[in-house]
Amino acid sequence: MSDDCCNHGISRRAALTGGVAAAAAAVAAARPAMAQAADPYADPAEPALPPSDMKLDLSRAALVVTDPQNDFLSPNGVTWGVVGPSVEKHNTVANIEKLFKAAKARDMTVAVSPHYYYPTDHGWKFEGALEKLMHKIGMFDRKGALSLEGFEGSGADFLELYKPYINDGKTIVTSPHKVYGPESNDMILQLRKQKVDQIILAGMSANLCTESHMREFLEQGFEVAVVKDATAAAMLPEGDGYLAALVNFRYMANAVWTTEQAVELIANA
C-alpha cells in the first residue's frame, strides 16, 4: 500500500446430483455473463444459494465495527492511495456513520475492534505479506500500550466523524487485534458478557479484518450479518480485496445487507 478437508471420495462426488448439481451447472454456465457484467459487485441475477432467514433481535444483537481508523478511512491515512477508490465507491465512511447512528438510537450494544501496533510488535521474527507492509509504512502505530502520546489525530486514531459515537461511554472498545481476526483481543468475551449472539458487522477492511472477524464469529456460534457497503478494501495488482471478500460474505455470512437495509431493520426490530 502506498500513503491490506476433506479428501472426498468418488461416492461423495457422485452424490452431487439433483438440485445441487443443477445449481452448480447454472453457475458455470453463467460465468461468461458474470465476467462481462458492468458492475462486478452486483448481486447475481439468479443466486444458487438459499436466501437469508436471519431475524434481527436487538435484545441479543450488537453492531461490531472493525478498524474505523484514520489510516483506512481518512484521505490522510497511509493506505488511502489503494483503499480510497473503494471507500468512495461504496460510500463507506457515511454508511458506517449511519450504522452507528441507527444502533445508538435503539440503545443497541456497539463494539469497536481497533488495530494497533506498538514498538514491540515491530520486533516480530516473521510476518505475512500485509503485515510486512503495514509495519513498514507505520500503519496503526502507537507509542506504546500504556501511552497515548501522539495518538490524537494519528493514523491509529478513530475517524473524527465517529468519535461522538465511540467516545460516549457506552461503546465497547476492545483491546487491539494484532493480525486480522478477534482471536487476539477480548471481543468475544465482551460480546458474551452482553449476552450477544447476533452481530451486524461493518468496518475495514473487507477481505482482511472484517472477513476474519466474520469467520471467527461464525466459528464461535454467532449469527452474523455483514453490511456490504459499510466496508471497502484495497485494489492492488494482486487483486480486488473487496470483490474477494464479497464472494466469501455471500458464501458464509448468515445475511448480507446494504446499509439501507440494516438501518431499516434496526429501526423496526
C-alpha atoms as a PDB file:
ATOM      1  CA  MET A   1       0.000   0.000   0.000  1.00  0.00           C
ATOM      2  CA  SER A   2       1.321   3.494  -0.928  1.00  0.00           C
ATOM      3  CA  ASP A   3       0.308   6.741   1.562  1.00  0.00           C
ATOM      4  CA  ASP A   4      -4.380  -4.862   3.235  1.00  0.00           C
ATOM      5  CA  CYS A   5     -10.903 -31.172   4.367  1.00  0.00           C
ATOM      6  CA  CYS A   6     -11.528 -33.172   3.118  1.00  0.00           C
ATOM      7  CA  ASN A   7     -10.498 -35.890   0.853  1.00  0.00           C
ATOM      8  CA  HIS A   8     -13.858 -36.551  -0.753  1.00  0.00           C
ATOM      9  CA  GLY A   9     -14.196 -39.987  -2.290  1.00  0.00           C
ATOM     10  CA  ILE A  10     -15.887 -40.853  -5.593  1.00  0.00           C
ATOM     11  CA  SER A  11     -19.108 -41.586  -3.731  1.00  0.00           C
ATOM     12  CA  ARG A  12     -19.235 -38.049  -2.346  1.00  0.00           C
ATOM     13  CA  ARG A  13     -18.692 -36.558  -5.776  1.00  0.00           C
ATOM     14  CA  ALA A  14     -21.267 -38.879  -7.277  1.00  0.00           C
ATOM     15  CA  ALA A  15     -23.754 -37.667  -4.667  1.00  0.00           C
ATOM     16  CA  LEU A  16     -23.681 -34.213  -6.247  1.00  0.00           C
ATOM     17  CA  THR A  17     -26.968 -34.732  -8.075  1.00  0.00           C
ATOM     18  CA  GLY A  18     -30.369 -33.148  -8.375  1.00  0.00           C
ATOM     19  CA  GLY A  19     -30.752 -29.512  -7.369  1.00  0.00           C
ATOM     20  CA  VAL A  20     -27.197 -29.008  -6.153  1.00  0.00           C
ATOM     21  CA  ALA A  21     -25.706 -30.281  -9.398  1.00  0.00           C
ATOM     22  CA  ALA A  22     -28.146 -28.191 -11.433  1.00  0.00           C
ATOM     23  CA  ALA A  23     -27.224 -25.091  -9.439  1.00  0.00           C
ATOM     24  CA  ALA A  24     -23.519 -25.756  -9.954  1.00  0.00           C
ATOM     25  CA  ALA A  25     -24.077 -26.177 -13.697  1.00  0.00           C
ATOM     26  CA  ALA A  26     -26.044 -22.947 -13.819  1.00  0.00           C
ATOM     27  CA  VAL A  27     -23.248 -21.073 -12.083  1.00  0.00           C
ATOM     28  CA  ALA A  28     -20.675 -22.468 -14.510  1.00  0.00           C
ATOM     29  CA  ALA A  29     -22.830 -21.517 -17.497  1.00  0.00           C
ATOM     30  CA  ALA A  30     -23.336 -18.021 -16.113  1.00  0.00           C
ATOM     31  CA  ARG A  31     -19.635 -17.241 -15.656  1.00  0.00           C
ATOM     32  CA  PRO A  32     -19.077 -15.536 -19.012  1.00  0.00           C
ATOM     33  CA  ALA A  33     -22.064 -13.259 -18.479  1.00  0.00           C
ATOM     34  CA  MET A  34     -20.981 -12.521 -14.931  1.00  0.00           C
ATOM     35  CA  ALA A  35     -17.492 -11.601 -16.076  1.00  0.00           C
ATOM     36  CA  GLN A  36     -18.945  -9.125 -18.542  1.00  0.00           C
ATOM     37  CA  ALA A  37     -21.304  -7.502 -16.045  1.00  0.00           C
ATOM     38  CA  ALA A  38     -20.961  -3.743 -15.846  1.00  0.00           C
ATOM     39  CA  ASP A  39     -20.841  -3.896 -12.039  1.00  0.00           C
ATOM     40  CA  PRO A  40     -18.637  -6.730 -10.773  1.00  0.00           C
ATOM     41  CA  TYR A  41     -20.108  -6.251  -7.286  1.00  0.00           C
ATOM     42  CA  ALA A  42     -23.754  -6.611  -8.304  1.00  0.00           C
ATOM     43  CA  ASP A  43     -25.758  -9.414  -6.735  1.00  0.00           C
ATOM     44  CA  PRO A  44     -26.202 -12.403  -9.053  1.00  0.00           C
ATOM     45  CA  ALA A  45     -29.418 -12.266 -11.072  1.00  0.00           C
ATOM     46  CA  GLU A  46     -30.128 -15.922 -10.284  1.00  0.00           C
ATOM     47  CA  PRO A  47     -28.492 -16.886  -6.977  1.00  0.00           C
ATOM     48  CA  ALA A  48     -27.728 -20.549  -6.386  1.00  0.00           C
ATOM     49  CA  LEU A  49     -27.511 -20.230  -2.603  1.00  0.00           C
ATOM     50  CA  PRO A  50     -30.564 -20.146  -0.292  1.00  0.00           C
ATOM     51  CA  PRO A  51     -31.786 -16.709   0.846  1.00  0.00           C
ATOM     52  CA  SER A  52     -31.113 -15.482   4.375  1.00  0.00           C
ATOM     53  CA  ASP A  53     -33.647 -16.181   7.110  1.00  0.00           C
ATOM     54  CA  MET A  54     -31.886 -14.118   9.801  1.00  0.00           C
ATOM     55  CA  LYS A  55     -34.322 -12.212  12.032  1.00  0.00           C
ATOM     56  CA  LEU A  56     -32.777  -9.333  13.962  1.00  0.00           C
ATOM     57  CA  ASP A  57     -33.420  -9.325  17.726  1.00  0.00           C
ATOM     58  CA  LEU A  58     -31.994  -6.189  19.336  1.00  0.00           C
ATOM     59  CA  SER A  59     -32.061  -7.739  22.804  1.00  0.00           C
ATOM     60  CA  ARG A  60     -29.260 -10.074  21.737  1.00  0.00           C
ATOM     61  CA  ALA A  61     -27.619  -8.162  18.904  1.00  0.00           C
ATOM     62  CA  ALA A  62     -24.579  -5.920  18.576  1.00  0.00           C
ATOM     63  CA  LEU A  63     -23.109  -3.681  15.937  1.00  0.00           C
ATOM     64  CA  VAL A  64     -19.417  -4.537  15.563  1.00  0.00           C
ATOM     65  CA  VAL A  65     -17.144  -2.193  13.614  1.00  0.00           C
ATOM     66  CA  THR A  66     -13.598  -3.193  12.737  1.00  0.00           C
ATOM     67  CA  ASP A  67     -10.807  -0.633  12.305  1.00  0.00           C
ATOM     68  CA  PRO A  68     -12.795   2.620  11.957  1.00  0.00           C
ATOM     69  CA  GLN A  69      -9.452   4.397  11.929  1.00  0.00           C
ATOM     70  CA  ASN A  70      -7.777   7.183  10.010  1.00  0.00           C
ATOM     71  CA  ASP A  71      -5.214   5.014   8.251  1.00  0.00           C
ATOM     72  CA  PHE A  72      -8.057   3.285   6.411  1.00  0.00           C
ATOM     73  CA  LEU A  73     -10.815   5.879   6.173  1.00  0.00           C
ATOM     74  CA  SER A  74      -9.170   9.304   6.012  1.00  0.00           C
ATOM     75  CA  PRO A  75      -7.659  10.777   2.838  1.00  0.00           C
ATOM     76  CA  ASN A  76      -4.643  11.451   5.061  1.00  0.00           C
ATOM     77  CA  GLY A  77      -4.319   7.779   6.025  1.00  0.00           C
ATOM     78  CA  VAL A  78      -1.319   5.800   4.840  1.00  0.00           C
ATOM     79  CA  THR A  79      -3.458   3.359   2.820  1.00  0.00           C
ATOM     80  CA  TRP A  80      -5.738   5.873   1.116  1.00  0.00           C
ATOM     81  CA  GLY A  81      -3.933   5.551  -2.198  1.00  0.00           C
ATOM     82  CA  VAL A  82      -5.136   1.965  -2.566  1.00  0.00           C
ATOM     83  CA  VAL A  83      -8.302   1.844  -0.441  1.00  0.00           C
ATOM     84  CA  GLY A  84      -9.630   5.326  -1.203  1.00  0.00           C
ATOM     85  CA  PRO A  85     -11.331   4.461  -4.515  1.00  0.00           C
ATOM     86  CA  SER A  86     -13.162   1.545  -2.857  1.00  0.00           C
ATOM     87  CA  VAL A  87     -14.138   3.632   0.186  1.00  0.00           C
ATOM     88  CA  GLU A  88     -15.527   6.355  -2.066  1.00  0.00           C
ATOM     89  CA  LYS A  89     -17.312   3.959  -4.430  1.00  0.00           C
ATOM     90  CA  HIS A  90     -19.227   2.293  -1.618  1.00  0.00           C
ATOM     91  CA  ASN A  91     -19.763   5.481   0.417  1.00  0.00           C
ATOM     92  CA  THR A  92     -18.194   3.558   3.272  1.00  0.00           C
ATOM     93  CA  VAL A  93     -17.455   6.454   5.630  1.00  0.00           C
ATOM     94  CA  ALA A  94     -21.027   7.779   5.576  1.00  0.00           C
ATOM     95  CA  ASN A  95     -22.517   4.288   5.726  1.00  0.00           C
ATOM     96  CA  ILE A  96     -20.583   3.341   8.857  1.00  0.00           C
ATOM     97  CA  GLU A  97     -21.832   6.543  10.495  1.00  0.00           C
ATOM     98  CA  LYS A  98     -25.420   5.647   9.548  1.00  0.00           C
ATOM     99  CA  LEU A  99     -24.993   2.311  11.298  1.00  0.00           C
ATOM    100  CA  PHE A 100     -23.549   3.948  14.421  1.00  0.00           C
ATOM    101  CA  LYS A 101     -26.428   6.432  14.492  1.00  0.00           C
ATOM    102  CA  ALA A 102     -29.089   3.755  13.979  1.00  0.00           C
ATOM    103  CA  ALA A 103     -27.627   1.486  16.659  1.00  0.00           C
ATOM    104  CA  LYS A 104     -27.318   4.294  19.198  1.00  0.00           C
ATOM    105  CA  ALA A 105     -30.906   5.397  18.534  1.00  0.00           C
ATOM    106  CA  ARG A 106     -32.106   1.934  19.627  1.00  0.00           C
ATOM    107  CA  ASP A 107     -29.635   1.631  22.535  1.00  0.00           C
ATOM    108  CA  MET A 108     -28.035  -1.350  20.839  1.00  0.00           C
ATOM    109  CA  THR A 109     -24.763  -2.852  22.019  1.00  0.00           C
ATOM    110  CA  VAL A 110     -21.959  -1.351  19.936  1.00  0.00           C
ATOM    111  CA  ALA A 111     -18.404  -2.665  19.907  1.00  0.00           C
ATOM    112  CA  VAL A 112     -15.304  -1.477  18.083  1.00  0.00           C
ATOM    113  CA  SER A 113     -12.316  -3.705  17.358  1.00  0.00           C
ATOM    114  CA  PRO A 114      -9.264  -1.485  16.715  1.00  0.00           C
ATOM    115  CA  HIS A 115      -5.936  -2.401  15.179  1.00  0.00           C
ATOM    116  CA  TYR A 116      -2.860  -1.018  16.981  1.00  0.00           C
ATOM    117  CA  TYR A 117       0.835  -1.744  16.634  1.00  0.00           C
ATOM    118  CA  TYR A 118       3.276  -0.926  19.421  1.00  0.00           C
ATOM    119  CA  PRO A 119       7.069  -0.698  19.086  1.00  0.00           C
ATOM    120  CA  THR A 120       7.485  -4.264  20.369  1.00  0.00           C
ATOM    121  CA  ASP A 121       5.279  -5.529  17.515  1.00  0.00           C
ATOM    122  CA  HIS A 122       7.903  -4.324  15.070  1.00  0.00           C
ATOM    123  CA  GLY A 123      10.258  -6.918  16.535  1.00  0.00           C
ATOM    124  CA  TRP A 124       8.269  -9.885  15.228  1.00  0.00           C
ATOM    125  CA  LYS A 125      10.572 -12.525  13.751  1.00  0.00           C
ATOM    126  CA  PHE A 126       8.253 -13.415  10.863  1.00  0.00           C
ATOM    127  CA  GLU A 127       5.339 -11.704   9.149  1.00  0.00           C
ATOM    128  CA  GLY A 128       2.830 -12.222   6.372  1.00  0.00           C
ATOM    129  CA  ALA A 129       2.912 -10.072   3.253  1.00  0.00           C
ATOM    130  CA  LEU A 130       0.464  -7.448   4.509  1.00  0.00           C
ATOM    131  CA  GLU A 131       2.000  -7.438   7.989  1.00  0.00           C
ATOM    132  CA  LYS A 132       5.382  -6.622   6.467  1.00  0.00           C
ATOM    133  CA  LEU A 133       3.883  -3.758   4.521  1.00  0.00           C
ATOM    134  CA  MET A 134       1.797  -2.426   7.400  1.00  0.00           C
ATOM    135  CA  HIS A 135       4.811  -2.347   9.676  1.00  0.00           C
ATOM    136  CA  LYS A 136       6.970  -0.766   7.000  1.00  0.00           C
ATOM    137  CA  ILE A 137       4.592   2.148   6.445  1.00  0.00           C
ATOM    138  CA  GLY A 138       3.841   2.644  10.155  1.00  0.00           C
ATOM    139  CA  MET A 139       0.187   1.746   9.850  1.00  0.00           C
ATOM    140  CA  PHE A 140      -1.784   1.938  13.131  1.00  0.00           C
ATOM    141  CA  ASP A 141       1.387   2.737  15.047  1.00  0.00           C
ATOM    142  CA  ARG A 142       1.196   3.892  18.656  1.00  0.00           C
ATOM    143  CA  LYS A 143       3.994   4.872  21.030  1.00  0.00           C
ATOM    144  CA  GLY A 144       3.129   2.071  23.422  1.00  0.00           C
ATOM    145  CA  ALA A 145       0.366   0.111  25.093  1.00  0.00           C
ATOM    146  CA  LEU A 146       0.345   2.450  28.096  1.00  0.00           C
ATOM    147  CA  SER A 147       0.867   5.722  26.264  1.00  0.00           C
ATOM    148  CA  LEU A 148      -1.435   7.992  24.277  1.00  0.00           C
ATOM    149  CA  GLU A 149       1.419  10.269  23.258  1.00  0.00           C
ATOM    150  CA  GLY A 150       0.856  11.355  19.670  1.00  0.00           C
ATOM    151  CA  PHE A 151      -2.327   9.277  19.383  1.00  0.00           C
ATOM    152  CA  GLU A 152      -4.846  12.086  18.858  1.00  0.00           C
ATOM    153  CA  GLY A 153      -5.340  12.604  15.139  1.00  0.00           C
ATOM    154  CA  SER A 154      -2.813   9.922  14.204  1.00  0.00           C
ATOM    155  CA  GLY A 155      -3.411   7.138  11.713  1.00  0.00           C
ATOM    156  CA  ALA A 156      -4.286   4.824  14.598  1.00  0.00           C
ATOM    157  CA  ASP A 157      -6.913   7.228  15.961  1.00  0.00           C
ATOM    158  CA  PHE A 158     -10.597   6.865  15.171  1.00  0.00           C
ATOM    159  CA  LEU A 159     -12.044   8.920  12.361  1.00  0.00           C
ATOM    160  CA  GLU A 160     -13.174  12.232  13.846  1.00  0.00           C
ATOM    161  CA  LEU A 161     -16.685  11.723  12.446  1.00  0.00           C
ATOM    162  CA  TYR A 162     -17.153   8.609  14.577  1.00  0.00           C
ATOM    163  CA  LYS A 163     -15.823   9.889  17.907  1.00  0.00           C
ATOM    164  CA  PRO A 164     -19.191  11.094  19.268  1.00  0.00           C
ATOM    165  CA  TYR A 165     -20.490   7.534  18.881  1.00  0.00           C
ATOM    166  CA  ILE A 166     -17.359   5.732  20.085  1.00  0.00           C
ATOM    167  CA  ASN A 167     -16.483   8.053  22.975  1.00  0.00           C
ATOM    168  CA  ASP A 168     -19.958   8.198  24.508  1.00  0.00           C
ATOM    169  CA  GLY A 169     -19.055   6.000  27.471  1.00  0.00           C
ATOM    170  CA  LYS A 170     -21.260   3.162  26.225  1.00  0.00           C
ATOM    171  CA  THR A 171     -19.406   1.772  23.212  1.00  0.00           C
ATOM    172  CA  ILE A 172     -17.166  -1.201  23.919  1.00  0.00           C
ATOM    173  CA  VAL A 173     -13.658  -0.555  22.605  1.00  0.00           C
ATOM    174  CA  THR A 174     -11.812  -3.837  22.814  1.00  0.00           C
ATOM    175  CA  SER A 175      -8.144  -4.451  23.198  1.00  0.00           C
ATOM    176  CA  PRO A 176      -6.408  -4.375  19.801  1.00  0.00           C
ATOM    177  CA  HIS A 177      -6.411  -7.271  17.401  1.00  0.00           C
ATOM    178  CA  LYS A 178      -2.915  -7.871  16.113  1.00  0.00           C
ATOM    179  CA  VAL A 179      -3.316  -9.705  12.836  1.00  0.00           C
ATOM    180  CA  TYR A 180      -6.813  -9.717  11.317  1.00  0.00           C
ATOM    181  CA  GLY A 181      -9.314 -11.564  13.498  1.00  0.00           C
ATOM    182  CA  PRO A 182     -10.579 -11.149  17.084  1.00  0.00           C
ATOM    183  CA  GLU A 183      -8.717 -14.184  18.388  1.00  0.00           C
ATOM    184  CA  SER A 184      -6.040 -11.972  19.952  1.00  0.00           C
ATOM    185  CA  ASN A 185      -8.352  -9.455  21.638  1.00  0.00           C
ATOM    186  CA  ASP A 186     -11.258  -9.546  24.084  1.00  0.00           C
ATOM    187  CA  MET A 187     -14.096  -9.029  21.602  1.00  0.00           C
ATOM    188  CA  ILE A 188     -15.671 -12.475  22.077  1.00  0.00           C
ATOM    189  CA  LEU A 189     -15.577 -12.123  25.867  1.00  0.00           C
ATOM    190  CA  GLN A 190     -17.148  -8.668  25.737  1.00  0.00           C
ATOM    191  CA  LEU A 191     -19.983  -9.841  23.479  1.00  0.00           C
ATOM    192  CA  ARG A 192     -20.661 -12.951  25.555  1.00  0.00           C
ATOM    193  CA  LYS A 193     -20.835 -10.802  28.699  1.00  0.00           C
ATOM    194  CA  GLN A 194     -23.535  -8.732  26.982  1.00  0.00           C
ATOM    195  CA  LYS A 195     -25.403 -11.956  26.063  1.00  0.00           C
ATOM    196  CA  VAL A 196     -24.978 -11.101  22.400  1.00  0.00           C
ATOM    197  CA  ASP A 197     -25.286 -13.853  19.804  1.00  0.00           C
ATOM    198  CA  GLN A 198     -26.257 -11.799  16.746  1.00  0.00           C
ATOM    199  CA  ILE A 199     -23.805  -9.443  15.064  1.00  0.00           C
ATOM    200  CA  ILE A 200     -24.158  -6.749  12.453  1.00  0.00           C
ATOM    201  CA  LEU A 201     -20.645  -6.435  11.084  1.00  0.00           C
ATOM    202  CA  ALA A 202     -19.063  -3.485   9.289  1.00  0.00           C
ATOM    203  CA  GLY A 203     -15.726  -1.675   9.078  1.00  0.00           C
ATOM    204  CA  MET A 204     -12.356  -2.098   7.452  1.00  0.00           C
ATOM    205  CA  SER A 205     -11.025  -3.704   5.564  1.00  0.00           C
ATOM    206  CA  ALA A 206     -13.314  -6.108   3.759  1.00  0.00           C
ATOM    207  CA  ASN A 207     -11.043  -9.045   2.917  1.00  0.00           C
ATOM    208  CA  LEU A 208      -8.768  -8.681   5.932  1.00  0.00           C
ATOM    209  CA  CYS A 209     -10.037  -7.724   9.389  1.00  0.00           C
ATOM    210  CA  THR A 210     -13.741  -7.615   8.538  1.00  0.00           C
ATOM    211  CA  GLU A 211     -13.757 -11.023   6.882  1.00  0.00           C
ATOM    212  CA  SER A 212     -11.519 -12.514   9.572  1.00  0.00           C
ATOM    213  CA  HIS A 213     -13.862 -11.251  12.289  1.00  0.00           C
ATOM    214  CA  MET A 214     -16.805 -12.735  10.411  1.00  0.00           C
ATOM    215  CA  ARG A 215     -15.111 -16.120  10.161  1.00  0.00           C
ATOM    216  CA  GLU A 216     -14.244 -16.264  13.861  1.00  0.00           C
ATOM    217  CA  PHE A 217     -17.693 -15.065  14.926  1.00  0.00           C
ATOM    218  CA  LEU A 218     -19.265 -17.825  12.854  1.00  0.00           C
ATOM    219  CA  GLU A 219     -16.900 -20.416  14.346  1.00  0.00           C
ATOM    220  CA  GLN A 220     -17.848 -19.158  17.813  1.00  0.00           C
ATOM    221  CA  GLY A 221     -21.546 -19.705  17.134  1.00  0.00           C
ATOM    222  CA  PHE A 222     -22.681 -16.148  16.426  1.00  0.00           C
ATOM    223  CA  GLU A 223     -25.241 -15.258  13.779  1.00  0.00           C
ATOM    224  CA  VAL A 224     -23.601 -12.682  11.523  1.00  0.00           C
ATOM    225  CA  ALA A 225     -24.963 -10.174   9.035  1.00  0.00           C
ATOM    226  CA  VAL A 226     -22.315  -8.312   7.053  1.00  0.00           C
ATOM    227  CA  VAL A 227     -23.149  -4.833   5.768  1.00  0.00           C
ATOM    228  CA  LYS A 228     -21.546  -4.940   2.357  1.00  0.00           C
ATOM    229  CA  ASP A 229     -21.424  -1.217   1.608  1.00  0.00           C
ATOM    230  CA  ALA A 230     -20.121  -0.298   5.068  1.00  0.00           C
ATOM    231  CA  THR A 231     -16.749  -1.791   4.245  1.00  0.00           C
ATOM    232  CA  ALA A 232     -14.162  -1.446   1.481  1.00  0.00           C
ATOM    233  CA  ALA A 233     -10.748  -2.807   0.543  1.00  0.00           C
ATOM    234  CA  ALA A 234      -7.507  -2.260  -1.307  1.00  0.00           C
ATOM    235  CA  MET A 235      -7.256  -2.684  -5.041  1.00  0.00           C
ATOM    236  CA  LEU A 236      -3.793  -3.985  -5.935  1.00  0.00           C
ATOM    237  CA  PRO A 237      -2.204  -5.872  -8.838  1.00  0.00           C
ATOM    238  CA  GLU A 238      -2.661  -8.956  -6.660  1.00  0.00           C
ATOM    239  CA  GLY A 239      -6.438  -8.496  -6.798  1.00  0.00           C
ATOM    240  CA  ASP A 240      -9.519  -6.566  -5.724  1.00  0.00           C
ATOM    241  CA  GLY A 241      -9.833  -7.156  -1.989  1.00  0.00           C
ATOM    242  CA  TYR A 242     -13.454  -6.022  -1.859  1.00  0.00           C
ATOM    243  CA  LEU A 243     -14.585  -8.457  -4.541  1.00  0.00           C
ATOM    244  CA  ALA A 244     -12.724 -11.290  -2.833  1.00  0.00           C
ATOM    245  CA  ALA A 245     -14.468 -10.522   0.449  1.00  0.00           C
ATOM    246  CA  LEU A 246     -17.887 -10.076  -1.124  1.00  0.00           C
ATOM    247  CA  VAL A 247     -17.780 -13.592  -2.530  1.00  0.00           C
ATOM    248  CA  ASN A 248     -16.952 -15.000   0.908  1.00  0.00           C
ATOM    249  CA  PHE A 249     -19.589 -12.862   2.629  1.00  0.00           C
ATOM    250  CA  ARG A 250     -22.190 -14.360   0.289  1.00  0.00           C
ATOM    251  CA  TYR A 251     -20.913 -17.885   0.857  1.00  0.00           C
ATOM    252  CA  MET A 252     -20.606 -17.775   4.636  1.00  0.00           C
ATOM    253  CA  ALA A 253     -22.492 -14.996   6.416  1.00  0.00           C
ATOM    254  CA  ASN A 254     -25.986 -15.560   7.756  1.00  0.00           C
ATOM    255  CA  ALA A 255     -27.028 -12.436   5.890  1.00  0.00           C
ATOM    256  CA  VAL A 256     -25.506  -9.811   3.617  1.00  0.00           C
ATOM    257  CA  TRP A 257     -27.275  -6.464   3.883  1.00  0.00           C
ATOM    258  CA  THR A 258     -26.878  -2.985   2.495  1.00  0.00           C
ATOM    259  CA  THR A 259     -26.628  -0.099   4.925  1.00  0.00           C
ATOM    260  CA  GLU A 260     -30.142   0.967   3.991  1.00  0.00           C
ATOM    261  CA  GLN A 261     -31.487  -2.496   4.806  1.00  0.00           C
ATOM    262  CA  ALA A 262     -29.558  -2.708   8.076  1.00  0.00           C
ATOM    263  CA  VAL A 263     -30.710   0.730   9.245  1.00  0.00           C
ATOM    264  CA  GLU A 264     -34.328  -0.122   8.462  1.00  0.00           C
ATOM    265  CA  LEU A 265     -34.093  -3.464  10.228  1.00  0.00           C
ATOM    266  CA  ILE A 266     -32.537  -1.855  13.312  1.00  0.00           C
ATOM    267  CA  ALA A 267     -35.218   0.846  13.391  1.00  0.00           C
ATOM    268  CA  ASN A 268     -38.072  -1.642  13.058  1.00  0.00           C
ATOM    269  CA  ALA A 269     -36.744  -4.542  15.146  1.00  0.00           C
END
